[in-house]
Amino acid sequence: MKYNIAIIGSTGLVGRNTLQILVEQGLVEHNYYLFVSARSVGKTQKIGETKHVVQLLNKENLLNRHFDFALFCTRENISKTYVKLLAKRCTKVIDFSSAFRKDYPLIVQEINFYDIGNSDIICNPNCSANRELYAPSWKWKMRAVFYFTRMFWCNYSFWKTKTEKSISLKLGKFTKRWTRKLD
């Protein structure tokens, strides 16, 4: 069975990685519809051997067809505008932003996949939370093989404002932040 899958924000970093994972998992046979902001309209993106022309993200384009799934690879403001619109139309929506994490299930597949229930909106934890939540489930398996007693993880975050570049290194509960003013 072929599904209609909308990917919102497909040209951004999260969107490109999502497309790559779909290809790696062999999910190229479905019908994909890629939606982007005005500055990316007209670009093409390849999923498997098929090239797709990206479409402008707006209400009219989203409501033009029925989607079985929608993956929101966007910021909170975009998700807040369009997620519930599609969920009302019985589309299973997976949101990668933090817009709905307090109201809908936060799913980590290896831990609570069955908590999805009947919800049409599924929240995905961010990259660092995903590792931190997933770690306890495999910690004991790894301990049996490698005999370790402690686990540390690193999270490198980068953000840029008009006046500075910052990198923070998170080790467990301790955070070190480096900031460099831009010229």
Protein backbone atom coordinates (compact mmCIF):
# COMPACT_ATOMS: atom_id res chain seq x y z
CA MET A 1 0.00 0.00 0.00
CA LYS A 2 1.31 3.42 -0.95
CA TYR A 3 0.87 6.21 1.57
CA ASN A 4 0.59 9.94 0.89
CA ILE A 5 3.29 11.53 3.03
CA ALA A 6 3.76 15.27 3.49
CA ILE A 7 7.13 16.52 4.65
CA ILE A 8 6.97 20.10 5.83
CA GLY A 9 10.33 21.86 5.93
CA SER A 10 12.02 19.35 3.65
CA THR A 11 14.90 21.62 2.58
CA GLY A 12 16.04 22.44 6.14
CA LEU A 13 18.58 20.42 8.09
CA VAL A 14 16.01 18.27 9.89
CA GLY A 15 13.99 17.82 6.69
CA ARG A 16 17.01 16.72 4.65
CA ASN A 17 18.02 14.24 7.35
CA THR A 18 14.46 12.92 7.51
CA LEU A 19 14.48 12.31 3.75
CA GLN A 20 17.82 10.55 4.04
CA ILE A 21 16.50 8.25 6.78
CA LEU A 22 13.39 7.44 4.73
CA VAL A 23 15.63 6.41 1.82
CA GLU A 24 17.94 4.39 4.08
CA GLN A 25 14.91 2.56 5.49
CA GLY A 26 13.71 1.69 1.99
CA LEU A 27 10.57 3.82 2.20
CA VAL A 28 10.89 5.35 -1.26
CA GLU A 29 7.82 3.78 -2.88
CA HIS A 30 5.30 6.09 -1.20
CA ASN A 31 3.84 9.32 -2.59
CA TYR A 32 5.82 12.22 -1.14
CA TYR A 33 4.76 15.86 -1.10
CA LEU A 34 7.41 18.33 0.02
CA PHE A 35 6.47 21.73 1.45
CA VAL A 36 8.82 24.63 2.10
CA SER A 37 8.96 28.36 2.73
CA ALA A 38 8.83 30.87 -0.12
CA ARG A 39 12.62 31.11 -0.43
CA SER A 40 12.94 27.40 -1.35
CA VAL A 41 9.98 27.07 -3.75
CA GLY A 42 10.90 25.50 -7.07
CA LYS A 43 13.89 23.53 -5.79
CA THR A 44 13.96 19.81 -6.41
CA GLN A 45 14.74 17.09 -3.93
CA LYS A 46 15.46 13.47 -4.65
CA ILE A 47 13.86 10.60 -2.74
CA GLY A 48 15.32 7.38 -4.03
CA GLU A 49 15.45 7.79 -7.81
CA THR A 50 12.48 10.17 -7.97
CA LYS A 51 12.90 13.94 -8.09
CA HIS A 52 10.26 16.04 -6.38
CA VAL A 53 9.63 19.74 -6.89
CA VAL A 54 8.99 21.36 -3.53
CA GLN A 55 5.77 23.30 -3.01
CA LEU A 56 4.99 26.44 -1.08
CA LEU A 57 3.72 25.74 2.42
CA ASN A 58 0.31 27.33 2.81
CA LYS A 59 -3.16 26.28 3.89
CA GLU A 60 -4.47 25.91 0.36
CA ASN A 61 -1.66 23.58 -0.77
CA LEU A 62 -1.94 21.44 2.37
CA LEU A 63 -5.70 21.04 2.06
CA ASN A 64 -5.55 20.18 -1.65
CA ARG A 65 -5.12 16.48 -0.93
CA HIS A 66 -5.41 13.93 1.86
CA PHE A 67 -2.21 12.84 3.61
CA ASP A 68 -1.86 9.65 5.60
CA PHE A 69 1.20 11.03 7.41
CA ALA A 70 2.77 14.46 7.81
CA LEU A 71 6.26 15.02 9.18
CA PHE A 72 6.83 18.53 10.50
CA CYS A 73 10.54 19.37 10.33
CA THR A 74 9.90 22.98 11.27
CA ARG A 75 10.05 25.51 14.06
CA GLU A 76 7.30 25.84 16.64
CA ASN A 77 5.48 28.72 14.94
CA ILE A 78 4.98 26.73 11.71
CA SER A 79 3.90 23.63 13.63
CA LYS A 80 1.39 25.63 15.67
CA THR A 81 -0.11 27.02 12.48
CA TYR A 82 -0.54 23.76 10.51
CA VAL A 83 -0.29 20.63 12.71
CA LYS A 84 -3.82 20.70 14.13
CA LEU A 85 -5.21 21.59 10.72
CA LEU A 86 -3.93 18.29 9.31
CA ALA A 87 -4.70 16.27 12.45
CA LYS A 88 -8.36 17.29 12.14
CA ARG A 89 -8.32 15.67 8.70
CA CYS A 90 -7.22 12.30 10.18
CA THR A 91 -3.58 12.70 9.18
CA LYS A 92 -1.08 11.12 11.58
CA VAL A 93 1.26 14.03 12.30
CA ILE A 94 4.77 13.65 13.68
CA ASP A 95 6.07 16.96 14.97
CA PHE A 96 9.82 17.45 15.46
CA SER A 97 9.40 20.85 17.12
CA SER A 98 8.57 21.42 20.78
CA ALA A 99 5.21 23.06 20.00
CA PHE A 100 2.97 20.29 21.38
CA ARG A 101 5.20 18.28 23.71
CA LYS A 102 3.19 19.24 26.79
CA ASP A 103 -0.16 18.25 25.29
CA TYR A 104 0.49 15.13 23.20
CA PRO A 105 2.51 11.93 23.58
CA LEU A 106 6.28 12.32 23.41
CA ILE A 107 7.30 9.08 21.73
CA VAL A 108 10.66 7.34 21.89
CA GLN A 109 10.13 4.21 19.83
CA GLU A 110 12.23 1.88 21.95
CA ILE A 111 10.59 2.98 25.20
CA ASN A 112 6.93 3.93 24.77
CA PHE A 113 5.88 3.26 21.18
CA TYR A 114 2.50 1.91 22.32
CA ASP A 115 1.65 5.16 24.11
CA ILE A 116 0.70 6.62 20.72
CA GLY A 117 -2.79 5.23 21.18
CA ASN A 118 -5.36 7.06 19.09
CA SER A 119 -3.53 10.38 19.04
CA ASP A 120 -3.22 11.99 15.62
CA ILE A 121 -0.35 14.17 16.85
CA ILE A 122 2.90 12.52 17.89
CA CYS A 123 5.77 14.51 19.32
CA ASN A 124 9.35 13.56 18.71
CA PRO A 125 11.94 14.47 21.36
CA ASN A 126 14.87 16.61 20.31
CA CYS A 127 18.18 14.97 19.52
CA SER A 128 19.69 15.22 23.00
CA ALA A 129 16.52 14.19 24.83
CA ASN A 130 16.15 11.21 22.52
CA ARG A 131 19.58 9.91 23.52
CA GLU A 132 19.02 10.66 27.18
CA LEU A 133 15.64 8.93 27.24
CA TYR A 134 16.77 5.99 25.14
CA ALA A 135 20.01 5.37 27.04
CA PRO A 136 18.53 3.56 30.08
CA SER A 137 16.83 0.96 27.89
CA TRP A 138 20.12 -0.24 26.38
CA LYS A 139 22.42 0.63 29.27
CA TRP A 140 22.06 -2.76 30.96
CA LYS A 141 22.52 -4.69 27.71
CA MET A 142 25.74 -2.80 27.02
CA ARG A 143 26.89 -3.22 30.62
CA ALA A 144 26.63 -6.98 30.30
CA VAL A 145 28.90 -6.91 27.24
CA PHE A 146 31.42 -4.18 28.13
CA TYR A 147 31.27 -4.18 31.96
CA PHE A 148 30.95 -0.40 32.32
CA THR A 149 29.50 1.20 35.44
CA ARG A 150 28.93 4.82 34.35
CA MET A 151 27.53 6.45 31.29
CA PHE A 152 28.26 9.99 30.07
CA TRP A 153 26.83 11.66 27.01
CA CYS A 154 27.74 14.82 25.20
CA ASN A 155 25.44 17.27 23.53
CA TYR A 156 26.91 19.93 21.30
CA SER A 157 24.57 22.81 20.57
CA PHE A 158 25.30 25.64 18.21
CA TRP A 159 23.28 28.77 17.69
CA LYS A 160 23.99 32.07 16.09
CA THR A 161 22.59 35.51 16.77
CA LYS A 162 23.49 38.78 15.12
CA THR A 163 26.19 39.52 17.68
CA GLU A 164 27.63 36.21 18.84
CA LYS A 165 28.33 32.58 18.11
CA SER A 166 27.99 30.19 21.02
CA ILE A 167 28.73 26.57 21.54
CA SER A 168 27.67 24.75 24.66
CA LEU A 169 28.97 21.39 25.76
CA LYS A 170 26.69 19.46 28.04
CA LEU A 171 28.17 16.65 30.10
CA GLY A 172 25.47 15.09 32.23
CA LYS A 173 24.14 17.93 34.38
CA PHE A 174 27.13 20.25 33.90
CA THR A 175 27.24 22.72 31.05
CA LYS A 176 30.22 24.68 29.75
CA ARG A 177 29.48 27.49 27.32
CA TRP A 178 31.89 29.27 25.02
CA THR A 179 30.88 32.53 23.41
CA ARG A 180 32.73 34.50 20.76
CA LYS A 181 31.62 37.96 19.68
CA LEU A 182 31.38 38.41 15.94
CA ASP A 183 33.22 41.23 14.22
